[in-house]
């Protein structure tokens, strides 16, 4: 059995999506610091949303 949220498939998918988005965003030119500051403000909220999705997925089990 997976240990904690990090072991859940949906959590891994969310992390992979976040990484892909970040890889695209950092190629934008110019990369304004204001935008970066807004991302940093958003990150805790996005993390909380991802944790909620993972918890709910875990409660429902593997049935889709």
PDB file of N, CA and C in Angstrom:
ATOM      1  N   UNK A   1       0.840  -1.194   0.000  1.00  0.00           N
ATOM      2  CA  UNK A   1       0.000   0.000   0.000  1.00  0.00           C
ATOM      3  C   UNK A   1       0.880   1.252   0.000  1.00  0.00           C
ATOM      4  N   UNK A   2       0.438   2.269  -0.696  1.00  0.00           N
ATOM      5  CA  UNK A   2       1.187   3.521  -0.776  1.00  0.00           C
ATOM      6  C   UNK A   2       1.243   4.185   0.590  1.00  0.00           C
ATOM      7  N   UNK A   3       2.370   4.846   0.857  1.00  0.00           N
ATOM      8  CA  UNK A   3       2.514   5.533   2.131  1.00  0.00           C
ATOM      9  C   UNK A   3       2.200   7.009   1.970  1.00  0.00           C
ATOM     10  N   UNK A   4       1.168   7.485   2.628  1.00  0.00           N
ATOM     11  CA  UNK A   4       0.807   8.893   2.587  1.00  0.00           C
ATOM     12  C   UNK A   4       0.323   9.340   1.217  1.00  0.00           C
ATOM     13  N   UNK A   5       0.102  10.621   1.112  1.00  0.00           N
ATOM     14  CA  UNK A   5      -0.422  11.186  -0.136  1.00  0.00           C
ATOM     15  C   UNK A   5       0.570  11.075  -1.281  1.00  0.00           C
ATOM     16  N   UNK A   6       1.855  11.170  -0.980  1.00  0.00           N
ATOM     17  CA  UNK A   6       2.869  11.137  -2.029  1.00  0.00           C
ATOM     18  C   UNK A   6       2.858   9.811  -2.788  1.00  0.00           C
ATOM     19  N   UNK A   7       2.335   8.764  -2.184  1.00  0.00           N
ATOM     20  CA  UNK A   7       2.275   7.472  -2.843  1.00  0.00           C
ATOM     21  C   UNK A   7       1.060   7.289  -3.733  1.00  0.00           C
ATOM     22  N   UNK A   8       0.121   8.211  -3.689  1.00  0.00           N
ATOM     23  CA  UNK A   8      -1.091   8.093  -4.499  1.00  0.00           C
ATOM     24  C   UNK A   8      -0.821   8.456  -5.950  1.00  0.00           C
ATOM     25  N   UNK A   9      -1.441   7.721  -6.842  1.00  0.00           N
ATOM     26  CA  UNK A   9      -1.255   7.957  -8.279  1.00  0.00           C
ATOM     27  C   UNK A   9      -1.664   9.381  -8.669  1.00  0.00           C
ATOM     28  N   UNK A  10      -2.787   9.863  -8.139  1.00  0.00           N
ATOM     29  CA  UNK A  10      -3.277  11.197  -8.508  1.00  0.00           C
ATOM     30  C   UNK A  10      -2.298  12.275  -8.046  1.00  0.00           C
ATOM     31  N   UNK A  11      -1.646  12.042  -6.930  1.00  0.00           N
ATOM     32  CA  UNK A  11      -0.661  13.009  -6.440  1.00  0.00           C
ATOM     33  C   UNK A  11       0.525  13.075  -7.395  1.00  0.00           C
ATOM     34  N   UNK A  12       0.973  11.917  -7.836  1.00  0.00           N
ATOM     35  CA  UNK A  12       2.071  11.870  -8.800  1.00  0.00           C
ATOM     36  C   UNK A  12       1.703  12.536 -10.112  1.00  0.00           C
ATOM     37  N   UNK A  13       0.458  12.310 -10.559  1.00  0.00           N
ATOM     38  CA  UNK A  13       0.004  12.947 -11.795  1.00  0.00           C
ATOM     39  C   UNK A  13      -0.046  14.466 -11.637  1.00  0.00           C
ATOM     40  N   UNK A  14      -0.504  14.926 -10.487  1.00  0.00           N
ATOM     41  CA  UNK A  14      -0.576  16.371 -10.237  1.00  0.00           C
ATOM     42  C   UNK A  14       0.826  16.979 -10.214  1.00  0.00           C
ATOM     43  N   UNK A  15       1.765  16.281  -9.602  1.00  0.00           N
ATOM     44  CA  UNK A  15       3.143  16.781  -9.581  1.00  0.00           C
ATOM     45  C   UNK A  15       3.729  16.832 -10.987  1.00  0.00           C
ATOM     46  N   UNK A  16       3.460  15.803 -11.780  1.00  0.00           N
ATOM     47  CA  UNK A  16       3.967  15.772 -13.155  1.00  0.00           C
ATOM     48  C   UNK A  16       3.385  16.920 -13.973  1.00  0.00           C
ATOM     49  N   UNK A  17       2.089  17.185 -13.791  1.00  0.00           N
ATOM     50  CA  UNK A  17       1.448  18.289 -14.497  1.00  0.00           C
ATOM     51  C   UNK A  17       2.070  19.618 -14.081  1.00  0.00           C
ATOM     52  N   UNK A  18       2.270  19.794 -12.789  1.00  0.00           N
ATOM     53  CA  UNK A  18       2.882  21.031 -12.298  1.00  0.00           C
ATOM     54  C   UNK A  18       4.282  21.217 -12.888  1.00  0.00           C
ATOM     55  N   UNK A  19       5.043  20.137 -12.963  1.00  0.00           N
ATOM     56  CA  UNK A  19       6.382  20.215 -13.540  1.00  0.00           C
ATOM     57  C   UNK A  19       6.332  20.600 -15.018  1.00  0.00           C
ATOM     58  N   UNK A  20       5.396  20.014 -15.760  1.00  0.00           N
ATOM     59  CA  UNK A  20       5.271  20.346 -17.184  1.00  0.00           C
ATOM     60  C   UNK A  20       4.886  21.808 -17.376  1.00  0.00           C
ATOM     61  N   UNK A  21       3.969  22.285 -16.554  1.00  0.00           N
ATOM     62  CA  UNK A  21       3.553  23.688 -16.640  1.00  0.00           C
ATOM     63  C   UNK A  21       4.751  24.586 -16.339  1.00  0.00           C
ATOM     64  N   UNK A  22       5.483  24.265 -15.291  1.00  0.00           N
ATOM     65  CA  UNK A  22       6.629  25.079 -14.917  1.00  0.00           C
ATOM     66  C   UNK A  22       7.677  25.091 -16.019  1.00  0.00           C
ATOM     67  N   UNK A  23       7.939  23.924 -16.613  1.00  0.00           N
ATOM     68  CA  UNK A  23       8.917  23.857 -17.706  1.00  0.00           C
ATOM     69  C   UNK A  23       8.525  24.776 -18.860  1.00  0.00           C
ATOM     70  N   UNK A  24       7.243  24.908 -19.122  1.00  0.00           N
ATOM     71  CA  UNK A  24       6.773  25.797 -20.190  1.00  0.00           C
ATOM     72  C   UNK A  24       6.886  27.264 -19.770  1.00  0.00           C
ATOM     73  N   UNK A  25       6.460  27.557 -18.555  1.00  0.00           N
ATOM     74  CA  UNK A  25       6.434  28.947 -18.083  1.00  0.00           C
ATOM     75  C   UNK A  25       7.833  29.563 -18.056  1.00  0.00           C
ATOM     76  N   UNK A  26       8.829  28.800 -17.648  1.00  0.00           N
ATOM     77  CA  UNK A  26      10.166  29.391 -17.535  1.00  0.00           C
ATOM     78  C   UNK A  26      10.785  29.708 -18.894  1.00  0.00           C
ATOM     79  N   UNK A  27      10.168  29.241 -19.966  1.00  0.00           N
ATOM     80  CA  UNK A  27      10.687  29.581 -21.299  1.00  0.00           C
ATOM     81  C   UNK A  27      10.147  30.919 -21.789  1.00  0.00           C
ATOM     82  N   UNK A  28       9.145  31.455 -21.105  1.00  0.00           N
ATOM     83  CA  UNK A  28       8.575  32.734 -21.528  1.00  0.00           C
ATOM     84  C   UNK A  28       9.612  33.830 -21.356  1.00  0.00           C
ATOM     85  N   UNK A  29       9.670  34.722 -22.346  1.00  0.00           N
ATOM     86  CA  UNK A  29      10.596  35.846 -22.271  1.00  0.00           C
ATOM     87  C   UNK A  29       9.827  37.133 -22.481  1.00  0.00           C
ATOM     88  N   UNK A  30      10.057  38.193 -21.757  1.00  0.00           N
ATOM     89  CA  UNK A  30      10.782  38.150 -20.494  1.00  0.00           C
ATOM     90  C   UNK A  30       9.938  37.499 -19.400  1.00  0.00           C
ATOM     91  N   UNK A  31      10.585  37.037 -18.390  1.00  0.00           N
ATOM     92  CA  UNK A  31       9.899  36.385 -17.286  1.00  0.00           C
ATOM     93  C   UNK A  31       9.783  37.391 -16.141  1.00  0.00           C
ATOM     94  N   UNK A  32       8.639  38.067 -16.049  1.00  0.00           N
ATOM     95  CA  UNK A  32       8.519  39.159 -15.069  1.00  0.00           C
ATOM     96  C   UNK A  32       8.522  38.667 -13.624  1.00  0.00           C
ATOM     97  N   UNK A  33       9.213  39.401 -12.783  1.00  0.00           N
ATOM     98  CA  UNK A  33       9.266  39.045 -11.369  1.00  0.00           C
ATOM     99  C   UNK A  33       7.902  39.159 -10.711  1.00  0.00           C
ATOM    100  N   UNK A  34       7.075  40.058 -11.189  1.00  0.00           N
ATOM    101  CA  UNK A  34       5.725  40.183 -10.624  1.00  0.00           C
ATOM    102  C   UNK A  34       4.954  38.876 -10.810  1.00  0.00           C
ATOM    103  N   UNK A  35       5.103  38.276 -11.976  1.00  0.00           N
ATOM    104  CA  UNK A  35       4.426  37.008 -12.247  1.00  0.00           C
ATOM    105  C   UNK A  35       4.939  35.938 -11.283  1.00  0.00           C
ATOM    106  N   UNK A  36       6.243  35.914 -11.072  1.00  0.00           N
ATOM    107  CA  UNK A  36       6.836  34.937 -10.161  1.00  0.00           C
ATOM    108  C   UNK A  36       6.296  35.124  -8.753  1.00  0.00           C
ATOM    109  N   UNK A  37       6.151  36.358  -8.327  1.00  0.00           N
ATOM    110  CA  UNK A  37       5.615  36.628  -6.996  1.00  0.00           C
ATOM    111  C   UNK A  37       4.186  36.109  -6.870  1.00  0.00           C
ATOM    112  N   UNK A  38       3.405  36.249  -7.932  1.00  0.00           N
ATOM    113  CA  UNK A  38       2.026  35.751  -7.895  1.00  0.00           C
ATOM    114  C   UNK A  38       1.976  34.228  -7.848  1.00  0.00           C
ATOM    115  N   UNK A  39       2.877  33.581  -8.561  1.00  0.00           N
ATOM    116  CA  UNK A  39       2.958  32.120  -8.517  1.00  0.00           C
ATOM    117  C   UNK A  39       3.289  31.659  -7.101  1.00  0.00           C
ATOM    118  N   UNK A  40       4.234  32.344  -6.470  1.00  0.00           N
ATOM    119  CA  UNK A  40       4.614  31.981  -5.104  1.00  0.00           C
ATOM    120  C   UNK A  40       3.445  32.153  -4.140  1.00  0.00           C
ATOM    121  N   UNK A  41       2.608  33.145  -4.380  1.00  0.00           N
ATOM    122  CA  UNK A  41       1.423  33.341  -3.545  1.00  0.00           C
ATOM    123  C   UNK A  41       0.399  32.235  -3.779  1.00  0.00           C
ATOM    124  N   UNK A  42       0.301  31.779  -5.009  1.00  0.00           N
ATOM    125  CA  UNK A  42      -0.677  30.753  -5.371  1.00  0.00           C
ATOM    126  C   UNK A  42      -0.278  29.350  -4.936  1.00  0.00           C
ATOM    127  N   UNK A  43       1.003  29.077  -4.860  1.00  0.00           N
ATOM    128  CA  UNK A  43       1.503  27.727  -4.618  1.00  0.00           C
ATOM    129  C   UNK A  43       0.877  27.041  -3.400  1.00  0.00           C
ATOM    130  N   UNK A  44       0.793  27.678  -2.244  1.00  0.00           N
ATOM    131  CA  UNK A  44       0.195  26.988  -1.090  1.00  0.00           C
ATOM    132  C   UNK A  44      -1.268  26.606  -1.331  1.00  0.00           C
ATOM    133  N   UNK A  45      -1.993  27.449  -2.044  1.00  0.00           N
ATOM    134  CA  UNK A  45      -3.394  27.157  -2.333  1.00  0.00           C
ATOM    135  C   UNK A  45      -3.516  25.986  -3.302  1.00  0.00           C
ATOM    136  N   UNK A  46      -2.651  25.952  -4.305  1.00  0.00           N
ATOM    137  CA  UNK A  46      -2.656  24.844  -5.252  1.00  0.00           C
ATOM    138  C   UNK A  46      -2.271  23.546  -4.562  1.00  0.00           C
ATOM    139  N   UNK A  47      -1.297  23.616  -3.669  1.00  0.00           N
ATOM    140  CA  UNK A  47      -0.898  22.422  -2.927  1.00  0.00           C
ATOM    141  C   UNK A  47      -2.041  21.897  -2.067  1.00  0.00           C
ATOM    142  N   UNK A  48      -2.775  22.797  -1.431  1.00  0.00           N
ATOM    143  CA  UNK A  48      -3.912  22.381  -0.617  1.00  0.00           C
ATOM    144  C   UNK A  48      -4.986  21.729  -1.487  1.00  0.00           C
ATOM    145  N   UNK A  49      -5.215  22.283  -2.666  1.00  0.00           N
ATOM    146  CA  UNK A  49      -6.193  21.716  -3.596  1.00  0.00           C
ATOM    147  C   UNK A  49      -5.763  20.320  -4.036  1.00  0.00           C
ATOM    148  N   UNK A  50      -4.496  20.151  -4.344  1.00  0.00           N
ATOM    149  CA  UNK A  50      -3.982  18.847  -4.763  1.00  0.00           C
ATOM    150  C   UNK A  50      -4.122  17.836  -3.623  1.00  0.00           C
ATOM    151  N   UNK A  51      -3.813  18.257  -2.394  1.00  0.00           N
ATOM    152  CA  UNK A  51      -3.963  17.348  -1.248  1.00  0.00           C
ATOM    153  C   UNK A  51      -5.413  16.933  -1.077  1.00  0.00           C
ATOM    154  N   UNK A  52      -6.343  17.871  -1.264  1.00  0.00           N
ATOM    155  CA  UNK A  52      -7.766  17.554  -1.155  1.00  0.00           C
ATOM    156  C   UNK A  52      -8.182  16.553  -2.225  1.00  0.00           C
ATOM    157  N   UNK A  53      -7.738  16.772  -3.450  1.00  0.00           N
ATOM    158  CA  UNK A  53      -8.046  15.823  -4.524  1.00  0.00           C
ATOM    159  C   UNK A  53      -7.511  14.435  -4.194  1.00  0.00           C
ATOM    160  N   UNK A  54      -6.307  14.376  -3.702  1.00  0.00           N
ATOM    161  CA  UNK A  54      -5.695  13.093  -3.380  1.00  0.00           C
ATOM    162  C   UNK A  54      -6.435  12.400  -2.250  1.00  0.00           C
ATOM    163  N   UNK A  55      -6.803  13.146  -1.216  1.00  0.00           N
ATOM    164  CA  UNK A  55      -7.554  12.556  -0.096  1.00  0.00           C
ATOM    165  C   UNK A  55      -8.888  12.017  -0.567  1.00  0.00           C
ATOM    166  N   UNK A  56      -9.594  12.795  -1.389  1.00  0.00           N
ATOM    167  CA  UNK A  56     -10.894  12.348  -1.884  1.00  0.00           C
ATOM    168  C   UNK A  56     -10.756  11.128  -2.775  1.00  0.00           C
ATOM    169  N   UNK A  57      -9.728  11.082  -3.584  1.00  0.00           N
ATOM    170  CA  UNK A  57      -9.497   9.925  -4.449  1.00  0.00           C
ATOM    171  C   UNK A  57      -9.207   8.701  -3.598  1.00  0.00           C
ATOM    172  N   UNK A  58      -8.467   8.894  -2.524  1.00  0.00           N
ATOM    173  CA  UNK A  58      -8.123   7.783  -1.645  1.00  0.00           C
ATOM    174  C   UNK A  58      -9.363   7.242  -0.926  1.00  0.00           C
ATOM    175  N   UNK A  59     -10.290   8.112  -0.570  1.00  0.00           N
ATOM    176  CA  UNK A  59     -11.522   7.684   0.099  1.00  0.00           C
ATOM    177  C   UNK A  59     -12.401   6.859  -0.808  1.00  0.00           C
ATOM    178  N   UNK A  60     -12.422   7.214  -2.085  1.00  0.00           N
ATOM    179  CA  UNK A  60     -13.270   6.494  -3.039  1.00  0.00           C
ATOM    180  C   UNK A  60     -12.666   5.172  -3.462  1.00  0.00           C
ATOM    181  N   UNK A  61     -11.391   5.013  -3.261  1.00  0.00           N
ATOM    182  CA  UNK A  61     -10.735   3.780  -3.690  1.00  0.00           C
ATOM    183  C   UNK A  61     -10.323   3.873  -5.141  1.00  0.00           C
ATOM    184  N   UNK A  62     -10.134   2.711  -5.766  1.00  0.00           N
ATOM    185  CA  UNK A  62      -9.625   2.690  -7.123  1.00  0.00           C
ATOM    186  C   UNK A  62     -10.723   2.584  -8.174  1.00  0.00           C
ATOM    187  N   UNK A  63     -11.976   2.511  -7.762  1.00  0.00           N
ATOM    188  CA  UNK A  63     -13.069   2.420  -8.731  1.00  0.00           C
ATOM    189  C   UNK A  63     -13.257   3.753  -9.443  1.00  0.00           C
ATOM    190  N   UNK A  64     -13.359   3.721 -10.751  1.00  0.00           N
ATOM    191  CA  UNK A  64     -13.594   4.943 -11.543  1.00  0.00           C
ATOM    192  C   UNK A  64     -14.858   4.795 -12.340  1.00  0.00           C
TER     193      UNK A  64
END
